[in-house]
Amino acid sequence: MPPIGASILTPGGAAELSFLTFLAILLIAGGVMLFLGSRQTAAQREKRRRLTLSKTGRMHDAMIIDVRDCLLYYSYEIRGVAYTTSQDASDFKDLLPRETSALIGPVGMKFAPKNPANSIVICEEWSGLRSITLQFQETEENKHS
């Protein structure tokens, strides 16, 4: 039996070691490229979260308690636990009325069943805002036309 490492000293052993080293470097470089290429921006992660809640979330009632700029502050209660949170609706500015105080009041929301603190009131595919509010915006636009 040859001593340990003796195969490296033979002509075929050096080629095998070089090939394995090259393969390891190639795999590491590929892994780094996959990791860096798959990173998402915060906006992309937030959009994915909203769309996931839109598709899989449970509907519930909430109350918008304040609106500042495009931040919707709302509260709701699930299984005896009260939650107060906010959602940045700046991506949906065109859907909001000019007078954002009209949004204050009851609203529909969706939440993640396994994490009720994860919730939304509006997203790209769904809105829990009252239809009166959306009609209000359409009426205002018709007046200004």
C-alpha atoms as a PDB file:
ATOM      1  CA  MET A   1       0.000   0.000   0.000  1.00  0.00           C
ATOM      2  CA  PRO A   2       1.486   3.360  -1.003  1.00  0.00           C
ATOM      3  CA  PRO A   3       1.943   5.992   1.695  1.00  0.00           C
ATOM      4  CA  ILE A   4      -0.704   8.721   2.088  1.00  0.00           C
ATOM      5  CA  GLY A   5      -0.155  11.524  -0.435  1.00  0.00           C
ATOM      6  CA  ALA A   6       1.994   9.352  -2.683  1.00  0.00           C
ATOM      7  CA  SER A   7      -0.605   9.494  -5.455  1.00  0.00           C
ATOM      8  CA  ILE A   8      -0.053  13.280  -5.698  1.00  0.00           C
ATOM      9  CA  LEU A   9       3.553  12.672  -6.575  1.00  0.00           C
ATOM     10  CA  THR A  10       2.682  10.409  -9.477  1.00  0.00           C
ATOM     11  CA  PRO A  11       1.972  12.065 -12.853  1.00  0.00           C
ATOM     12  CA  GLY A  12      -1.772  11.161 -12.816  1.00  0.00           C
ATOM     13  CA  GLY A  13      -2.192  12.331  -9.199  1.00  0.00           C
ATOM     14  CA  ALA A  14      -1.082  15.904  -9.913  1.00  0.00           C
ATOM     15  CA  ALA A  15      -3.563  16.204 -12.791  1.00  0.00           C
ATOM     16  CA  GLU A  16      -6.330  14.826 -10.590  1.00  0.00           C
ATOM     17  CA  LEU A  17      -5.507  17.325  -7.822  1.00  0.00           C
ATOM     18  CA  SER A  18      -5.431  20.209 -10.310  1.00  0.00           C
ATOM     19  CA  PHE A  19      -8.789  19.165 -11.754  1.00  0.00           C
ATOM     20  CA  LEU A  20     -10.406  18.886  -8.294  1.00  0.00           C
ATOM     21  CA  THR A  21      -8.990  22.279  -7.271  1.00  0.00           C
ATOM     22  CA  PHE A  22     -10.323  23.853 -10.463  1.00  0.00           C
ATOM     23  CA  LEU A  23     -13.722  22.224  -9.914  1.00  0.00           C
ATOM     24  CA  ALA A  24     -13.873  23.480  -6.303  1.00  0.00           C
ATOM     25  CA  ILE A  25     -13.023  27.049  -7.384  1.00  0.00           C
ATOM     26  CA  LEU A  26     -15.627  26.857 -10.142  1.00  0.00           C
ATOM     27  CA  LEU A  27     -18.322  25.654  -7.720  1.00  0.00           C
ATOM     28  CA  ILE A  28     -17.496  28.370  -5.185  1.00  0.00           C
ATOM     29  CA  ALA A  29     -17.570  31.059  -7.888  1.00  0.00           C
ATOM     30  CA  GLY A  30     -20.912  29.733  -9.177  1.00  0.00           C
ATOM     31  CA  GLY A  31     -22.368  29.759  -5.674  1.00  0.00           C
ATOM     32  CA  VAL A  32     -21.263  33.336  -5.095  1.00  0.00           C
ATOM     33  CA  MET A  33     -22.769  34.405  -8.440  1.00  0.00           C
ATOM     34  CA  LEU A  34     -26.083  32.694  -7.599  1.00  0.00           C
ATOM     35  CA  PHE A  35     -26.164  34.309  -4.159  1.00  0.00           C
ATOM     36  CA  LEU A  36     -25.421  37.802  -5.425  1.00  0.00           C
ATOM     37  CA  GLY A  37     -27.723  37.480  -8.431  1.00  0.00           C
ATOM     38  CA  SER A  38     -30.709  36.291  -6.404  1.00  0.00           C
ATOM     39  CA  ARG A  39     -30.663  39.141  -3.877  1.00  0.00           C
ATOM     40  CA  GLN A  40     -33.798  41.238  -4.020  1.00  0.00           C
ATOM     41  CA  THR A  41     -34.246  44.866  -3.142  1.00  0.00           C
ATOM     42  CA  ALA A  42     -36.440  45.857  -0.213  1.00  0.00           C
ATOM     43  CA  ALA A  43     -39.131  47.045  -2.635  1.00  0.00           C
ATOM     44  CA  GLN A  44     -39.133  43.673  -4.413  1.00  0.00           C
ATOM     45  CA  ARG A  45     -39.428  41.790  -1.103  1.00  0.00           C
ATOM     46  CA  GLU A  46     -42.299  44.052   0.018  1.00  0.00           C
ATOM     47  CA  LYS A  47     -44.156  43.556  -3.271  1.00  0.00           C
ATOM     48  CA  ARG A  48     -43.729  39.773  -2.987  1.00  0.00           C
ATOM     49  CA  ARG A  49     -45.044  39.911   0.624  1.00  0.00           C
ATOM     50  CA  ARG A  50     -48.121  41.900  -0.423  1.00  0.00           C
ATOM     51  CA  LEU A  51     -48.903  39.581  -3.350  1.00  0.00           C
ATOM     52  CA  THR A  52     -48.486  36.495  -1.157  1.00  0.00           C
ATOM     53  CA  LEU A  53     -50.896  37.932   1.423  1.00  0.00           C
ATOM     54  CA  SER A  54     -53.310  38.847  -1.348  1.00  0.00           C
ATOM     55  CA  LYS A  55     -53.410  35.240  -2.533  1.00  0.00           C
ATOM     56  CA  THR A  56     -53.147  33.300   0.726  1.00  0.00           C
ATOM     57  CA  GLY A  57     -54.201  35.727   3.444  1.00  0.00           C
ATOM     58  CA  ARG A  58     -57.403  35.555   5.433  1.00  0.00           C
ATOM     59  CA  MET A  59     -59.799  38.472   5.277  1.00  0.00           C
ATOM     60  CA  HIS A  60     -60.746  40.395   8.378  1.00  0.00           C
ATOM     61  CA  ASP A  61     -62.098  43.783   9.431  1.00  0.00           C
ATOM     62  CA  ALA A  62     -59.819  46.617  10.478  1.00  0.00           C
ATOM     63  CA  MET A  63     -60.102  50.305  11.279  1.00  0.00           C
ATOM     64  CA  ILE A  64     -57.905  52.941   9.656  1.00  0.00           C
ATOM     65  CA  ILE A  65     -57.103  55.287  12.515  1.00  0.00           C
ATOM     66  CA  ASP A  66     -54.766  57.771  10.812  1.00  0.00           C
ATOM     67  CA  VAL A  67     -53.320  58.635   7.412  1.00  0.00           C
ATOM     68  CA  ARG A  68     -50.100  60.610   7.053  1.00  0.00           C
ATOM     69  CA  ASP A  69     -48.761  61.189   3.576  1.00  0.00           C
ATOM     70  CA  CYS A  70     -49.194  57.688   2.143  1.00  0.00           C
ATOM     71  CA  LEU A  71     -48.859  55.786   5.415  1.00  0.00           C
ATOM     72  CA  LEU A  72     -52.067  54.064   6.440  1.00  0.00           C
ATOM     73  CA  TYR A  73     -52.213  53.402  10.195  1.00  0.00           C
ATOM     74  CA  TYR A  74     -54.778  50.776  11.092  1.00  0.00           C
ATOM     75  CA  SER A  75     -55.767  48.505  13.962  1.00  0.00           C
ATOM     76  CA  TYR A  76     -57.516  45.156  14.184  1.00  0.00           C
ATOM     77  CA  GLU A  77     -58.132  42.339  16.615  1.00  0.00           C
ATOM     78  CA  ILE A  78     -57.612  38.648  15.934  1.00  0.00           C
ATOM     79  CA  ARG A  79     -58.252  35.909  18.509  1.00  0.00           C
ATOM     80  CA  GLY A  80     -58.351  38.439  21.322  1.00  0.00           C
ATOM     81  CA  VAL A  81     -55.043  40.087  20.416  1.00  0.00           C
ATOM     82  CA  ALA A  82     -55.133  43.729  19.304  1.00  0.00           C
ATOM     83  CA  TYR A  83     -52.728  44.834  16.578  1.00  0.00           C
ATOM     84  CA  THR A  84     -51.886  48.362  15.475  1.00  0.00           C
ATOM     85  CA  THR A  85     -49.697  48.713  12.420  1.00  0.00           C
ATOM     86  CA  SER A  86     -49.140  50.728   9.279  1.00  0.00           C
ATOM     87  CA  GLN A  87     -48.699  50.165   5.567  1.00  0.00           C
ATOM     88  CA  ASP A  88     -46.865  52.373   3.119  1.00  0.00           C
ATOM     89  CA  ALA A  89     -49.289  52.920   0.249  1.00  0.00           C
ATOM     90  CA  SER A  90     -47.082  55.227  -1.809  1.00  0.00           C
ATOM     91  CA  ASP A  91     -47.029  52.637  -4.624  1.00  0.00           C
ATOM     92  CA  PHE A  92     -50.818  53.070  -4.836  1.00  0.00           C
ATOM     93  CA  LYS A  93     -51.030  56.867  -4.722  1.00  0.00           C
ATOM     94  CA  ASP A  94     -53.162  56.902  -7.860  1.00  0.00           C
ATOM     95  CA  LEU A  95     -55.783  54.714  -6.121  1.00  0.00           C
ATOM     96  CA  LEU A  96     -56.020  56.893  -3.011  1.00  0.00           C
ATOM     97  CA  PRO A  97     -58.292  59.937  -2.818  1.00  0.00           C
ATOM     98  CA  ARG A  98     -56.729  63.380  -2.783  1.00  0.00           C
ATOM     99  CA  GLU A  99     -58.263  63.963   0.628  1.00  0.00           C
ATOM    100  CA  THR A 100     -56.719  61.037   2.501  1.00  0.00           C
ATOM    101  CA  SER A 101     -58.701  61.754   5.681  1.00  0.00           C
ATOM    102  CA  ALA A 102     -61.657  60.186   3.832  1.00  0.00           C
ATOM    103  CA  LEU A 103     -59.923  56.826   4.316  1.00  0.00           C
ATOM    104  CA  ILE A 104     -60.296  56.929   8.103  1.00  0.00           C
ATOM    105  CA  GLY A 105     -62.856  54.371   9.203  1.00  0.00           C
ATOM    106  CA  PRO A 106     -63.682  50.695   8.619  1.00  0.00           C
ATOM    107  CA  VAL A 107     -61.659  48.805   6.037  1.00  0.00           C
ATOM    108  CA  GLY A 108     -61.036  45.223   4.964  1.00  0.00           C
ATOM    109  CA  MET A 109     -57.619  43.688   5.469  1.00  0.00           C
ATOM    110  CA  LYS A 110     -55.808  40.422   4.845  1.00  0.00           C
ATOM    111  CA  PHE A 111     -53.424  38.730   7.243  1.00  0.00           C
ATOM    112  CA  ALA A 112     -51.177  35.678   7.335  1.00  0.00           C
ATOM    113  CA  PRO A 113     -52.892  32.919   9.362  1.00  0.00           C
ATOM    114  CA  LYS A 114     -49.613  31.791  10.940  1.00  0.00           C
ATOM    115  CA  ASN A 115     -48.498  35.375  11.665  1.00  0.00           C
ATOM    116  CA  PRO A 116     -51.483  37.699  12.228  1.00  0.00           C
ATOM    117  CA  ALA A 117     -49.154  40.689  12.600  1.00  0.00           C
ATOM    118  CA  ASN A 118     -48.319  40.317   8.884  1.00  0.00           C
ATOM    119  CA  SER A 119     -51.180  42.186   7.204  1.00  0.00           C
ATOM    120  CA  ILE A 120     -52.159  44.515   4.341  1.00  0.00           C
ATOM    121  CA  VAL A 121     -55.072  46.767   3.429  1.00  0.00           C
ATOM    122  CA  ILE A 122     -54.094  47.345  -0.216  1.00  0.00           C
ATOM    123  CA  CYS A 123     -51.861  45.709  -2.823  1.00  0.00           C
ATOM    124  CA  GLU A 124     -51.447  45.363  -6.571  1.00  0.00           C
ATOM    125  CA  GLU A 125     -54.261  42.811  -6.941  1.00  0.00           C
ATOM    126  CA  TRP A 126     -56.597  43.575  -4.040  1.00  0.00           C
ATOM    127  CA  SER A 127     -57.897  46.469  -1.987  1.00  0.00           C
ATOM    128  CA  GLY A 128     -59.742  46.472   1.314  1.00  0.00           C
ATOM    129  CA  LEU A 129     -60.545  50.160   1.013  1.00  0.00           C
ATOM    130  CA  ARG A 130     -64.236  50.979   1.014  1.00  0.00           C
ATOM    131  CA  SER A 131     -65.839  51.357  -2.408  1.00  0.00           C
ATOM    132  CA  ILE A 132     -67.247  54.711  -1.271  1.00  0.00           C
ATOM    133  CA  THR A 133     -63.689  55.974  -1.016  1.00  0.00           C
ATOM    134  CA  LEU A 134     -62.845  54.848  -4.544  1.00  0.00           C
ATOM    135  CA  GLN A 135     -66.100  56.377  -5.837  1.00  0.00           C
ATOM    136  CA  PHE A 136     -65.161  59.592  -4.040  1.00  0.00           C
ATOM    137  CA  GLN A 137     -61.929  59.757  -5.999  1.00  0.00           C
ATOM    138  CA  GLU A 138     -63.692  59.138  -9.313  1.00  0.00           C
ATOM    139  CA  THR A 139     -66.234  61.865  -8.511  1.00  0.00           C
ATOM    140  CA  GLU A 140     -63.470  64.329  -7.647  1.00  0.00           C
ATOM    141  CA  GLU A 141     -61.638  63.547 -10.899  1.00  0.00           C
ATOM    142  CA  ASN A 142     -64.817  64.133 -12.910  1.00  0.00           C
ATOM    143  CA  LYS A 143     -65.303  67.525 -11.238  1.00  0.00           C
ATOM    144  CA  HIS A 144     -61.780  68.631 -12.201  1.00  0.00           C
ATOM    145  CA  SER A 145     -62.098  67.460 -15.819  1.00  0.00           C
END
